[in-house]
Amino acid sequence: MTRIIQFLLAAAYVMFGILKLSTHELQMEVFTSTYGYSVGFMYIIGAVELVSGVGLIIGFWHPRIALLSAGVIAMIMASAMLTHIRSYEGMRTSVLPLLFLLMAMFVVASNSRRREREWH
């Protein structure tokens, strides 16, 4: 189950990162007009998302990288939820970041338990 969730997160975050880095029109509008962030910040988030997605893929062979990448995604999604709340968008727009946050936390917890078993 962990590998499936890890794969879904990896695919989503590679795609999200590419969308932001390719200056997708919808991403530009949301980041600048809706949330009040700069285009530069969008590029930073896009790069972090892309690297985290790739890290989850590498993490199939190196669990420590999956643990780190999922942790970064969890932090991004917690911040995304706060951004949605701050922008008065309501819970409707926070459902997807919440889902990705829970998935990332599941991958973190699973990889943490796996690493703990390897130590004993």
PDB file of N, CA and C in Angstrom:
ATOM      1  N   MET A   1       0.821  -1.198   0.000  1.00  0.00           N
ATOM      2  CA  MET A   1       0.000   0.000   0.000  1.00  0.00           C
ATOM      3  C   MET A   1       0.871   1.272   0.000  1.00  0.00           C
ATOM      4  N   THR A   2       1.955   1.238   0.765  1.00  0.00           N
ATOM      5  CA  THR A   2       2.842   2.405   0.845  1.00  0.00           C
ATOM      6  C   THR A   2       3.430   2.742  -0.517  1.00  0.00           C
ATOM      7  N   ARG A   3       3.825   1.725  -1.246  1.00  0.00           N
ATOM      8  CA  ARG A   3       4.428   1.957  -2.561  1.00  0.00           C
ATOM      9  C   ARG A   3       3.439   2.580  -3.540  1.00  0.00           C
ATOM     10  N   ILE A   4       2.187   2.177  -3.459  1.00  0.00           N
ATOM     11  CA  ILE A   4       1.154   2.749  -4.336  1.00  0.00           C
ATOM     12  C   ILE A   4       0.971   4.230  -4.016  1.00  0.00           C
ATOM     13  N   ILE A   5       0.847   4.547  -2.737  1.00  0.00           N
ATOM     14  CA  ILE A   5       0.671   5.944  -2.324  1.00  0.00           C
ATOM     15  C   ILE A   5       1.911   6.754  -2.688  1.00  0.00           C
ATOM     16  N   GLN A   6       3.075   6.165  -2.483  1.00  0.00           N
ATOM     17  CA  GLN A   6       4.319   6.853  -2.830  1.00  0.00           C
ATOM     18  C   GLN A   6       4.368   7.124  -4.330  1.00  0.00           C
ATOM     19  N   PHE A   7       3.953   6.159  -5.147  1.00  0.00           N
ATOM     20  CA  PHE A   7       3.940   6.355  -6.598  1.00  0.00           C
ATOM     21  C   PHE A   7       2.950   7.445  -7.001  1.00  0.00           C
ATOM     22  N   LEU A   8       1.753   7.443  -6.410  1.00  0.00           N
ATOM     23  CA  LEU A   8       0.748   8.467  -6.727  1.00  0.00           C
ATOM     24  C   LEU A   8       1.248   9.861  -6.360  1.00  0.00           C
ATOM     25  N   LEU A   9       1.863   9.976  -5.187  1.00  0.00           N
ATOM     26  CA  LEU A   9       2.436  11.258  -4.779  1.00  0.00           C
ATOM     27  C   LEU A   9       3.548  11.689  -5.736  1.00  0.00           C
ATOM     28  N   ALA A  10       4.398  10.754  -6.109  1.00  0.00           N
ATOM     29  CA  ALA A  10       5.506  11.075  -7.020  1.00  0.00           C
ATOM     30  C   ALA A  10       4.961  11.595  -8.346  1.00  0.00           C
ATOM     31  N   ALA A  11       4.003  10.898  -8.906  1.00  0.00           N
ATOM     32  CA  ALA A  11       3.432  11.321 -10.197  1.00  0.00           C
ATOM     33  C   ALA A  11       2.790  12.695 -10.074  1.00  0.00           C
ATOM     34  N   ALA A  12       2.034  12.914  -9.013  1.00  0.00           N
ATOM     35  CA  ALA A  12       1.356  14.195  -8.820  1.00  0.00           C
ATOM     36  C   ALA A  12       2.360  15.329  -8.670  1.00  0.00           C
ATOM     37  N   TYR A  13       3.410  15.124  -7.885  1.00  0.00           N
ATOM     38  CA  TYR A  13       4.339  16.222  -7.615  1.00  0.00           C
ATOM     39  C   TYR A  13       5.302  16.484  -8.757  1.00  0.00           C
ATOM     40  N   VAL A  14       5.603  15.490  -9.543  1.00  0.00           N
ATOM     41  CA  VAL A  14       6.364  15.756 -10.767  1.00  0.00           C
ATOM     42  C   VAL A  14       5.501  16.627 -11.678  1.00  0.00           C
ATOM     43  N   MET A  15       4.216  16.270 -11.809  1.00  0.00           N
ATOM     44  CA  MET A  15       3.311  17.039 -12.659  1.00  0.00           C
ATOM     45  C   MET A  15       3.103  18.458 -12.118  1.00  0.00           C
ATOM     46  N   PHE A  16       2.864  18.590 -10.813  1.00  0.00           N
ATOM     47  CA  PHE A  16       2.653  19.921 -10.216  1.00  0.00           C
ATOM     48  C   PHE A  16       3.884  20.797 -10.419  1.00  0.00           C
ATOM     49  N   GLY A  17       5.069  20.209 -10.218  1.00  0.00           N
ATOM     50  CA  GLY A  17       6.300  20.964 -10.389  1.00  0.00           C
ATOM     51  C   GLY A  17       6.471  21.437 -11.822  1.00  0.00           C
ATOM     52  N   ILE A  18       6.199  20.555 -12.763  1.00  0.00           N
ATOM     53  CA  ILE A  18       6.321  20.928 -14.176  1.00  0.00           C
ATOM     54  C   ILE A  18       5.324  22.029 -14.533  1.00  0.00           C
ATOM     55  N   LEU A  19       4.092  21.933 -14.016  1.00  0.00           N
ATOM     56  CA  LEU A  19       3.091  22.974 -14.288  1.00  0.00           C
ATOM     57  C   LEU A  19       3.565  24.342 -13.810  1.00  0.00           C
ATOM     58  N   LYS A  20       4.121  24.381 -12.619  1.00  0.00           N
ATOM     59  CA  LYS A  20       4.583  25.669 -12.081  1.00  0.00           C
ATOM     60  C   LYS A  20       5.817  26.171 -12.823  1.00  0.00           C
ATOM     61  N   LEU A  21       6.747  25.288 -13.114  1.00  0.00           N
ATOM     62  CA  LEU A  21       7.977  25.704 -13.789  1.00  0.00           C
ATOM     63  C   LEU A  21       7.760  26.079 -15.254  1.00  0.00           C
ATOM     64  N   SER A  22       6.695  25.552 -15.852  1.00  0.00           N
ATOM     65  CA  SER A  22       6.411  25.883 -17.253  1.00  0.00           C
ATOM     66  C   SER A  22       5.556  27.135 -17.378  1.00  0.00           C
ATOM     67  N   THR A  23       5.344  27.817 -16.252  1.00  0.00           N
ATOM     68  CA  THR A  23       4.567  29.057 -16.209  1.00  0.00           C
ATOM     69  C   THR A  23       3.164  28.841 -16.795  1.00  0.00           C
ATOM     70  N   HIS A  24       2.548  27.764 -16.339  1.00  0.00           N
ATOM     71  CA  HIS A  24       1.175  27.459 -16.757  1.00  0.00           C
ATOM     72  C   HIS A  24       0.260  28.618 -16.371  1.00  0.00           C
ATOM     73  N   GLU A  25      -0.595  29.018 -17.281  1.00  0.00           N
ATOM     74  CA  GLU A  25      -1.435  30.212 -17.097  1.00  0.00           C
ATOM     75  C   GLU A  25      -2.271  30.165 -15.817  1.00  0.00           C
ATOM     76  N   LEU A  26      -2.899  29.034 -15.548  1.00  0.00           N
ATOM     77  CA  LEU A  26      -3.734  28.908 -14.349  1.00  0.00           C
ATOM     78  C   LEU A  26      -2.884  29.037 -13.083  1.00  0.00           C
ATOM     79  N   GLN A  27      -1.712  28.402 -13.078  1.00  0.00           N
ATOM     80  CA  GLN A  27      -0.814  28.490 -11.926  1.00  0.00           C
ATOM     81  C   GLN A  27      -0.386  29.930 -11.676  1.00  0.00           C
ATOM     82  N   MET A  28      -0.070  30.642 -12.750  1.00  0.00           N
ATOM     83  CA  MET A  28       0.335  32.055 -12.628  1.00  0.00           C
ATOM     84  C   MET A  28      -0.790  32.874 -12.003  1.00  0.00           C
ATOM     85  N   GLU A  29      -1.994  32.692 -12.493  1.00  0.00           N
ATOM     86  CA  GLU A  29      -3.149  33.444 -12.006  1.00  0.00           C
ATOM     87  C   GLU A  29      -3.393  33.174 -10.521  1.00  0.00           C
ATOM     88  N   VAL A  30      -3.394  31.907 -10.157  1.00  0.00           N
ATOM     89  CA  VAL A  30      -3.664  31.534  -8.768  1.00  0.00           C
ATOM     90  C   VAL A  30      -2.575  32.066  -7.846  1.00  0.00           C
ATOM     91  N   PHE A  31      -1.315  31.853  -8.202  1.00  0.00           N
ATOM     92  CA  PHE A  31      -0.217  32.271  -7.332  1.00  0.00           C
ATOM     93  C   PHE A  31      -0.160  33.784  -7.153  1.00  0.00           C
ATOM     94  N   THR A  32      -0.367  34.526  -8.233  1.00  0.00           N
ATOM     95  CA  THR A  32      -0.195  35.976  -8.137  1.00  0.00           C
ATOM     96  C   THR A  32      -1.473  36.684  -7.701  1.00  0.00           C
ATOM     97  N   SER A  33      -2.566  36.434  -8.369  1.00  0.00           N
ATOM     98  CA  SER A  33      -3.799  37.168  -8.074  1.00  0.00           C
ATOM     99  C   SER A  33      -4.528  36.647  -6.852  1.00  0.00           C
ATOM    100  N   THR A  34      -4.731  35.343  -6.796  1.00  0.00           N
ATOM    101  CA  THR A  34      -5.511  34.771  -5.698  1.00  0.00           C
ATOM    102  C   THR A  34      -4.745  34.794  -4.387  1.00  0.00           C
ATOM    103  N   TYR A  35      -3.480  34.331  -4.417  1.00  0.00           N
ATOM    104  CA  TYR A  35      -2.725  34.193  -3.172  1.00  0.00           C
ATOM    105  C   TYR A  35      -1.776  35.341  -2.892  1.00  0.00           C
ATOM    106  N   GLY A  36      -1.498  36.157  -3.876  1.00  0.00           N
ATOM    107  CA  GLY A  36      -0.631  37.308  -3.673  1.00  0.00           C
ATOM    108  C   GLY A  36       0.850  36.980  -3.602  1.00  0.00           C
ATOM    109  N   TYR A  37       1.242  35.837  -4.116  1.00  0.00           N
ATOM    110  CA  TYR A  37       2.652  35.460  -4.129  1.00  0.00           C
ATOM    111  C   TYR A  37       3.298  35.919  -5.430  1.00  0.00           C
ATOM    112  N   SER A  38       4.597  35.952  -5.446  1.00  0.00           N
ATOM    113  CA  SER A  38       5.320  36.362  -6.660  1.00  0.00           C
ATOM    114  C   SER A  38       5.516  35.175  -7.594  1.00  0.00           C
ATOM    115  N   VAL A  39       5.822  35.486  -8.826  1.00  0.00           N
ATOM    116  CA  VAL A  39       6.122  34.443  -9.811  1.00  0.00           C
ATOM    117  C   VAL A  39       7.399  33.707  -9.392  1.00  0.00           C
ATOM    118  N   GLY A  40       8.354  34.424  -8.834  1.00  0.00           N
ATOM    119  CA  GLY A  40       9.581  33.794  -8.354  1.00  0.00           C
ATOM    120  C   GLY A  40       9.304  32.739  -7.293  1.00  0.00           C
ATOM    121  N   PHE A  41       8.377  33.045  -6.388  1.00  0.00           N
ATOM    122  CA  PHE A  41       8.008  32.075  -5.350  1.00  0.00           C
ATOM    123  C   PHE A  41       7.355  30.853  -5.989  1.00  0.00           C
ATOM    124  N   MET A  42       6.557  31.073  -7.035  1.00  0.00           N
ATOM    125  CA  MET A  42       5.933  29.959  -7.745  1.00  0.00           C
ATOM    126  C   MET A  42       7.013  29.042  -8.330  1.00  0.00           C
ATOM    127  N   TYR A  43       8.067  29.637  -8.892  1.00  0.00           N
ATOM    128  CA  TYR A  43       9.158  28.832  -9.448  1.00  0.00           C
ATOM    129  C   TYR A  43       9.871  28.030  -8.363  1.00  0.00           C
ATOM    130  N   ILE A  44      10.080  28.648  -7.213  1.00  0.00           N
ATOM    131  CA  ILE A  44      10.731  27.943  -6.101  1.00  0.00           C
ATOM    132  C   ILE A  44       9.884  26.753  -5.667  1.00  0.00           C
ATOM    133  N   ILE A  45       8.588  26.981  -5.471  1.00  0.00           N
ATOM    134  CA  ILE A  45       7.693  25.895  -5.065  1.00  0.00           C
ATOM    135  C   ILE A  45       7.657  24.812  -6.139  1.00  0.00           C
ATOM    136  N   GLY A  46       7.597  25.229  -7.405  1.00  0.00           N
ATOM    137  CA  GLY A  46       7.597  24.258  -8.497  1.00  0.00           C
ATOM    138  C   GLY A  46       8.848  23.395  -8.501  1.00  0.00           C
ATOM    139  N   ALA A  47      10.001  24.022  -8.278  1.00  0.00           N
ATOM    140  CA  ALA A  47      11.261  23.267  -8.247  1.00  0.00           C
ATOM    141  C   ALA A  47      11.284  22.295  -7.070  1.00  0.00           C
ATOM    142  N   VAL A  48      10.826  22.760  -5.916  1.00  0.00           N
ATOM    143  CA  VAL A  48      10.792  21.890  -4.729  1.00  0.00           C
ATOM    144  C   VAL A  48       9.826  20.723  -4.958  1.00  0.00           C
ATOM    145  N   GLU A  49       8.677  21.008  -5.569  1.00  0.00           N
ATOM    146  CA  GLU A  49       7.711  19.933  -5.844  1.00  0.00           C
ATOM    147  C   GLU A  49       8.289  18.921  -6.831  1.00  0.00           C
ATOM    148  N   LEU A  50       8.928  19.403  -7.886  1.00  0.00           N
ATOM    149  CA  LEU A  50       9.515  18.505  -8.879  1.00  0.00           C
ATOM    150  C   LEU A  50      10.608  17.645  -8.252  1.00  0.00           C
ATOM    151  N   VAL A  51      11.497  18.257  -7.491  1.00  0.00           N
ATOM    152  CA  VAL A  51      12.577  17.512  -6.843  1.00  0.00           C
ATOM    153  C   VAL A  51      12.011  16.511  -5.837  1.00  0.00           C
ATOM    154  N   SER A  52      10.975  16.895  -5.114  1.00  0.00           N
ATOM    155  CA  SER A  52      10.357  15.977  -4.146  1.00  0.00           C
ATOM    156  C   SER A  52       9.699  14.796  -4.853  1.00  0.00           C
ATOM    157  N   GLY A  53       9.038  15.066  -5.968  1.00  0.00           N
ATOM    158  CA  GLY A  53       8.426  13.978  -6.739  1.00  0.00           C
ATOM    159  C   GLY A  53       9.476  12.999  -7.250  1.00  0.00           C
ATOM    160  N   VAL A  54      10.557  13.533  -7.789  1.00  0.00           N
ATOM    161  CA  VAL A  54      11.658  12.681  -8.258  1.00  0.00           C
ATOM    162  C   VAL A  54      12.281  11.942  -7.074  1.00  0.00           C
ATOM    163  N   GLY A  55      12.387  12.624  -5.936  1.00  0.00           N
ATOM    164  CA  GLY A  55      12.918  11.989  -4.726  1.00  0.00           C
ATOM    165  C   GLY A  55      12.069  10.808  -4.280  1.00  0.00           C
ATOM    166  N   LEU A  56      10.763  10.922  -4.440  1.00  0.00           N
ATOM    167  CA  LEU A  56       9.897   9.788  -4.092  1.00  0.00           C
ATOM    168  C   LEU A  56      10.139   8.602  -5.022  1.00  0.00           C
ATOM    169  N   ILE A  57      10.413   8.888  -6.283  1.00  0.00           N
ATOM    170  CA  ILE A  57      10.725   7.806  -7.222  1.00  0.00           C
ATOM    171  C   ILE A  57      12.046   7.140  -6.840  1.00  0.00           C
ATOM    172  N   ILE A  58      13.068   7.955  -6.581  1.00  0.00           N
ATOM    173  CA  ILE A  58      14.365   7.419  -6.141  1.00  0.00           C
ATOM    174  C   ILE A  58      14.198   6.665  -4.825  1.00  0.00           C
ATOM    175  N   GLY A  59      13.259   7.120  -4.020  1.00  0.00           N
ATOM    176  CA  GLY A  59      13.001   6.520  -2.718  1.00  0.00           C
ATOM    177  C   GLY A  59      12.537   5.081  -2.754  1.00  0.00           C
ATOM    178  N   PHE A  60      12.122   4.592  -3.914  1.00  0.00           N
ATOM    179  CA  PHE A  60      11.776   3.174  -4.007  1.00  0.00           C
ATOM    180  C   PHE A  60      13.009   2.312  -3.770  1.00  0.00           C
ATOM    181  N   TRP A  61      14.187   2.823  -4.105  1.00  0.00           N
ATOM    182  CA  TRP A  61      15.433   2.102  -3.907  1.00  0.00           C
ATOM    183  C   TRP A  61      16.223   2.624  -2.708  1.00  0.00           C
ATOM    184  N   HIS A  62      15.937   3.871  -2.318  1.00  0.00           N
ATOM    185  CA  HIS A  62      16.641   4.497  -1.189  1.00  0.00           C
ATOM    186  C   HIS A  62      15.584   5.118  -0.258  1.00  0.00           C
ATOM    187  N   PRO A  63      15.085   4.338   0.689  1.00  0.00           N
ATOM    188  CA  PRO A  63      13.975   4.786   1.549  1.00  0.00           C
ATOM    189  C   PRO A  63      14.230   6.098   2.296  1.00  0.00           C
ATOM    190  N   ARG A  64      15.461   6.390   2.619  1.00  0.00           N
ATOM    191  CA  ARG A  64      15.761   7.631   3.331  1.00  0.00           C
ATOM    192  C   ARG A  64      15.372   8.847   2.479  1.00  0.00           C
ATOM    193  N   ILE A  65      15.574   8.749   1.168  1.00  0.00           N
ATOM    194  CA  ILE A  65      15.207   9.844   0.268  1.00  0.00           C
ATOM    195  C   ILE A  65      13.689   9.966   0.183  1.00  0.00           C
ATOM    196  N   ALA A  66      12.988   8.846   0.193  1.00  0.00           N
ATOM    197  CA  ALA A  66      11.515   8.886   0.190  1.00  0.00           C
ATOM    198  C   ALA A  66      11.005   9.550   1.460  1.00  0.00           C
ATOM    199  N   LEU A  67      11.627   9.231   2.576  1.00  0.00           N
ATOM    200  CA  LEU A  67      11.248   9.827   3.855  1.00  0.00           C
ATOM    201  C   LEU A  67      11.423  11.341   3.821  1.00  0.00           C
ATOM    202  N   LEU A  68      12.558  11.801   3.328  1.00  0.00           N
ATOM    203  CA  LEU A  68      12.828  13.234   3.229  1.00  0.00           C
ATOM    204  C   LEU A  68      11.863  13.913   2.251  1.00  0.00           C
ATOM    205  N   SER A  69      11.664  13.317   1.084  1.00  0.00           N
ATOM    206  CA  SER A  69      10.790  13.903   0.070  1.00  0.00           C
ATOM    207  C   SER A  69       9.346  13.987   0.548  1.00  0.00           C
ATOM    208  N   ALA A  70       8.865  12.945   1.176  1.00  0.00           N
ATOM    209  CA  ALA A  70       7.491  12.954   1.692  1.00  0.00           C
ATOM    210  C   ALA A  70       7.355  13.989   2.812  1.00  0.00           C
ATOM    211  N   GLY A  71       8.384  14.147   3.623  1.00  0.00           N
ATOM    212  CA  GLY A  71       8.356  15.168   4.672  1.00  0.00           C
ATOM    213  C   GLY A  71       8.264  16.572   4.097  1.00  0.00           C
ATOM    214  N   VAL A  72       9.000  16.819   3.027  1.00  0.00           N
ATOM    215  CA  VAL A  72       8.950  18.125   2.357  1.00  0.00           C
ATOM    216  C   VAL A  72       7.556  18.351   1.778  1.00  0.00           C
ATOM    217  N   ILE A  73       6.989  17.338   1.148  1.00  0.00           N
ATOM    218  CA  ILE A  73       5.639  17.457   0.587  1.00  0.00           C
ATOM    219  C   ILE A  73       4.619  17.729   1.691  1.00  0.00           C
ATOM    220  N   ALA A  74       4.769  17.077   2.826  1.00  0.00           N
ATOM    221  CA  ALA A  74       3.859  17.318   3.942  1.00  0.00           C
ATOM    222  C   ALA A  74       3.929  18.778   4.392  1.00  0.00           C
ATOM    223  N   MET A  75       5.133  19.329   4.453  1.00  0.00           N
ATOM    224  CA  MET A  75       5.277  20.734   4.848  1.00  0.00           C
ATOM    225  C   MET A  75       4.661  21.668   3.800  1.00  0.00           C
ATOM    226  N   ILE A  76       4.870  21.359   2.535  1.00  0.00           N
ATOM    227  CA  ILE A  76       4.281  22.177   1.473  1.00  0.00           C
ATOM    228  C   ILE A  76       2.758  22.134   1.555  1.00  0.00           C
ATOM    229  N   MET A  77       2.201  20.958   1.794  1.00  0.00           N
ATOM    230  CA  MET A  77       0.741  20.829   1.837  1.00  0.00           C
ATOM    231  C   MET A  77       0.146  21.487   3.086  1.00  0.00           C
ATOM    232  N   ALA A  78       0.851  21.435   4.191  1.00  0.00           N
ATOM    233  CA  ALA A  78       0.383  22.150   5.380  1.00  0.00           C
ATOM    234  C   ALA A  78       0.371  23.652   5.098  1.00  0.00           C
ATOM    235  N   SER A  79       1.406  24.122   4.422  1.00  0.00           N
ATOM    236  CA  SER A  79       1.457  25.540   4.052  1.00  0.00           C
ATOM    237  C   SER A  79       0.380  25.894   3.038  1.00  0.00           C
ATOM    238  N   ALA A  80       0.108  24.990   2.102  1.00  0.00           N
ATOM    239  CA  ALA A  80      -0.945  25.232   1.107  1.00  0.00           C
ATOM    240  C   ALA A  80      -2.308  25.363   1.786  1.00  0.00           C
ATOM    241  N   MET A  81      -2.551  24.509   2.765  1.00  0.00           N
ATOM    242  CA  MET A  81      -3.820  24.604   3.496  1.00  0.00           C
ATOM    243  C   MET A  81      -3.932  25.954   4.199  1.00  0.00           C
ATOM    244  N   LEU A  82      -2.850  26.415   4.815  1.00  0.00           N
ATOM    245  CA  LEU A  82      -2.864  27.723   5.468  1.00  0.00           C
ATOM    246  C   LEU A  82      -3.095  28.839   4.453  1.00  0.00           C
ATOM    247  N   THR A  83      -2.520  28.701   3.269  1.00  0.00           N
ATOM    248  CA  THR A  83      -2.728  29.697   2.215  1.00  0.00           C
ATOM    249  C   THR A  83      -4.188  29.747   1.808  1.00  0.00           C
ATOM    250  N   HIS A  84      -4.816  28.587   1.659  1.00  0.00           N
ATOM    251  CA  HIS A  84      -6.235  28.546   1.298  1.00  0.00           C
ATOM    252  C   HIS A  84      -7.104  29.186   2.387  1.00  0.00           C
ATOM    253  N   ILE A  85      -6.788  28.899   3.618  1.00  0.00           N
ATOM    254  CA  ILE A  85      -7.552  29.468   4.737  1.00  0.00           C
ATOM    255  C   ILE A  85      -7.352  30.979   4.782  1.00  0.00           C
ATOM    256  N   ARG A  86      -6.113  31.413   4.624  1.00  0.00           N
ATOM    257  CA  ARG A  86      -5.800  32.849   4.641  1.00  0.00           C
ATOM    258  C   ARG A  86      -6.483  33.599   3.505  1.00  0.00           C
ATOM    259  N   SER A  87      -6.698  32.912   2.387  1.00  0.00           N
ATOM    260  CA  SER A  87      -7.331  33.520   1.220  1.00  0.00           C
ATOM    261  C   SER A  87      -8.855  33.422   1.259  1.00  0.00           C
ATOM    262  N   TYR A  88      -9.393  32.934   2.357  1.00  0.00           N
ATOM    263  CA  TYR A  88     -10.843  32.807   2.548  1.00  0.00           C
ATOM    264  C   TYR A  88     -11.509  31.976   1.460  1.00  0.00           C
ATOM    265  N   GLU A  89     -10.834  30.931   1.011  1.00  0.00           N
ATOM    266  CA  GLU A  89     -11.399  30.087  -0.029  1.00  0.00           C
ATOM    267  C   GLU A  89     -12.293  28.991   0.533  1.00  0.00           C
ATOM    268  N   GLY A  90     -12.205  28.748   1.803  1.00  0.00           N
ATOM    269  CA  GLY A  90     -13.052  27.736   2.419  1.00  0.00           C
ATOM    270  C   GLY A  90     -12.455  26.346   2.352  1.00  0.00           C
ATOM    271  N   MET A  91     -13.125  25.420   2.962  1.00  0.00           N
ATOM    272  CA  MET A  91     -12.650  24.048   3.073  1.00  0.00           C
ATOM    273  C   MET A  91     -12.656  23.335   1.722  1.00  0.00           C
ATOM    274  N   ARG A  92     -13.503  23.744   0.825  1.00  0.00           N
ATOM    275  CA  ARG A  92     -13.620  23.097  -0.482  1.00  0.00           C
ATOM    276  C   ARG A  92     -12.272  23.037  -1.191  1.00  0.00           C
ATOM    277  N   THR A  93     -11.528  24.112  -1.159  1.00  0.00           N
ATOM    278  CA  THR A  93     -10.235  24.137  -1.842  1.00  0.00           C
ATOM    279  C   THR A  93      -9.113  23.528  -1.002  1.00  0.00           C
ATOM    280  N   SER A  94      -9.385  23.256   0.265  1.00  0.00           N
ATOM    281  CA  SER A  94      -8.366  22.668   1.133  1.00  0.00           C
ATOM    282  C   SER A  94      -8.418  21.146   1.156  1.00  0.00           C
ATOM    283  N   VAL A  95      -9.417  20.557   0.522  1.00  0.00           N
ATOM    284  CA  VAL A  95      -9.565  19.102   0.565  1.00  0.00           C
ATOM    285  C   VAL A  95      -8.401  18.401  -0.131  1.00  0.00           C
ATOM    286  N   LEU A  96      -8.030  18.852  -1.310  1.00  0.00           N
ATOM    287  CA  LEU A  96      -6.934  18.199  -2.031  1.00  0.00           C
ATOM    288  C   LEU A  96      -5.593  18.350  -1.303  1.00  0.00           C
ATOM    289  N   PRO A  97      -5.229  19.552  -0.835  1.00  0.00           N
ATOM    290  CA  PRO A  97      -3.986  19.632  -0.054  1.00  0.00           C
ATOM    291  C   PRO A  97      -4.034  18.761   1.208  1.00  0.00           C
ATOM    292  N   LEU A  98      -5.213  18.662   1.841  1.00  0.00           N
ATOM    293  CA  LEU A  98      -5.342  17.807   3.024  1.00  0.00           C
ATOM    294  C   LEU A  98      -5.112  16.349   2.647  1.00  0.00           C
ATOM    295  N   LEU A  99      -5.677  15.918   1.543  1.00  0.00           N
ATOM    296  CA  LEU A  99      -5.486  14.542   1.082  1.00  0.00           C
ATOM    297  C   LEU A  99      -4.006  14.260   0.810  1.00  0.00           C
ATOM    298  N   PHE A 100      -3.339  15.173   0.102  1.00  0.00           N
ATOM    299  CA  PHE A 100      -1.911  14.989  -0.181  1.00  0.00           C
ATOM    300  C   PHE A 100      -1.080  15.050   1.099  1.00  0.00           C
ATOM    301  N   LEU A 101      -1.468  15.892   2.048  1.00  0.00           N
ATOM    302  CA  LEU A 101      -0.783  15.952   3.340  1.00  0.00           C
ATOM    303  C   LEU A 101      -0.881  14.602   4.051  1.00  0.00           C
ATOM    304  N   LEU A 102      -2.082  14.036   4.090  1.00  0.00           N
ATOM    305  CA  LEU A 102      -2.270  12.738   4.750  1.00  0.00           C
ATOM    306  C   LEU A 102      -1.494  11.630   4.042  1.00  0.00           C
ATOM    307  N   MET A 103      -1.486  11.670   2.715  1.00  0.00           N
ATOM    308  CA  MET A 103      -0.716  10.668   1.959  1.00  0.00           C
ATOM    309  C   MET A 103       0.776  10.795   2.261  1.00  0.00           C
ATOM    310  N   ALA A 104       1.279  12.021   2.292  1.00  0.00           N
ATOM    311  CA  ALA A 104       2.698  12.237   2.579  1.00  0.00           C
ATOM    312  C   ALA A 104       3.040  11.785   3.994  1.00  0.00           C
ATOM    313  N   MET A 105       2.153  12.078   4.944  1.00  0.00           N
ATOM    314  CA  MET A 105       2.391  11.654   6.325  1.00  0.00           C
ATOM    315  C   MET A 105       2.388  10.125   6.434  1.00  0.00           C
ATOM    316  N   PHE A 106       1.544   9.475   5.654  1.00  0.00           N
ATOM    317  CA  PHE A 106       1.514   8.012   5.628  1.00  0.00           C
ATOM    318  C   PHE A 106       2.845   7.464   5.115  1.00  0.00           C
ATOM    319  N   VAL A 107       3.371   8.059   4.046  1.00  0.00           N
ATOM    320  CA  VAL A 107       4.662   7.616   3.498  1.00  0.00           C
ATOM    321  C   VAL A 107       5.779   7.864   4.510  1.00  0.00           C
ATOM    322  N   VAL A 108       5.744   9.012   5.173  1.00  0.00           N
ATOM    323  CA  VAL A 108       6.750   9.304   6.204  1.00  0.00           C
ATOM    324  C   VAL A 108       6.684   8.261   7.316  1.00  0.00           C
ATOM    325  N   ALA A 109       5.475   8.000   7.824  1.00  0.00           N
ATOM    326  CA  ALA A 109       5.312   7.042   8.921  1.00  0.00           C
ATOM    327  C   ALA A 109       5.740   5.638   8.498  1.00  0.00           C
ATOM    328  N   SER A 110       5.361   5.234   7.310  1.00  0.00           N
ATOM    329  CA  SER A 110       5.718   3.892   6.821  1.00  0.00           C
ATOM    330  C   SER A 110       7.222   3.745   6.657  1.00  0.00           C
ATOM    331  N   ASN A 111       7.857   4.756   6.085  1.00  0.00           N
ATOM    332  CA  ASN A 111       9.309   4.685   5.899  1.00  0.00           C
ATOM    333  C   ASN A 111      10.040   4.793   7.221  1.00  0.00           C
ATOM    334  N   SER A 112       9.484   5.529   8.172  1.00  0.00           N
ATOM    335  CA  SER A 112      10.102   5.622   9.498  1.00  0.00           C
ATOM    336  C   SER A 112      10.071   4.265  10.190  1.00  0.00           C
ATOM    337  N   ARG A 113       8.927   3.594  10.112  1.00  0.00           N
ATOM    338  CA  ARG A 113       8.811   2.257  10.728  1.00  0.00           C
ATOM    339  C   ARG A 113       9.755   1.275  10.036  1.00  0.00           C
ATOM    340  N   ARG A 114       9.840   1.377   8.720  1.00  0.00           N
ATOM    341  CA  ARG A 114      10.717   0.490   7.962  1.00  0.00           C
ATOM    342  C   ARG A 114      12.166   0.694   8.367  1.00  0.00           C
ATOM    343  N   ARG A 115      12.579   1.947   8.504  1.00  0.00           N
ATOM    344  CA  ARG A 115      13.959   2.238   8.901  1.00  0.00           C
ATOM    345  C   ARG A 115      14.220   1.766  10.326  1.00  0.00           C
ATOM    346  N   GLU A 116      13.221   1.908  11.177  1.00  0.00           N
ATOM    347  CA  GLU A 116      13.378   1.481  12.564  1.00  0.00           C
ATOM    348  C   GLU A 116      13.587  -0.032  12.641  1.00  0.00           C
ATOM    349  N   ARG A 117      12.811  -0.780  11.832  1.00  0.00           N
ATOM    350  CA  ARG A 117      12.971  -2.248  11.809  1.00  0.00           C
ATOM    351  C   ARG A 117      14.355  -2.625  11.282  1.00  0.00           C
ATOM    352  N   GLU A 118      14.881  -1.854  10.335  1.00  0.00           N
ATOM    353  CA  GLU A 118      16.201  -2.163   9.789  1.00  0.00           C
ATOM    354  C   GLU A 118      17.293  -1.965  10.832  1.00  0.00           C
ATOM    355  N   TRP A 119      17.082  -1.084  11.785  1.00  0.00           N
ATOM    356  CA  TRP A 119      18.083  -0.784  12.811  1.00  0.00           C
ATOM    357  C   TRP A 119      18.125  -1.887  13.876  1.00  0.00           C
ATOM    358  N   HIS A 120      17.002  -2.605  14.020  1.00  0.00           N
ATOM    359  CA  HIS A 120      16.934  -3.624  15.086  1.00  0.00           C
ATOM    360  C   HIS A 120      17.171  -4.996  14.568  1.00  0.00           C
TER     361      HIS A 120
END
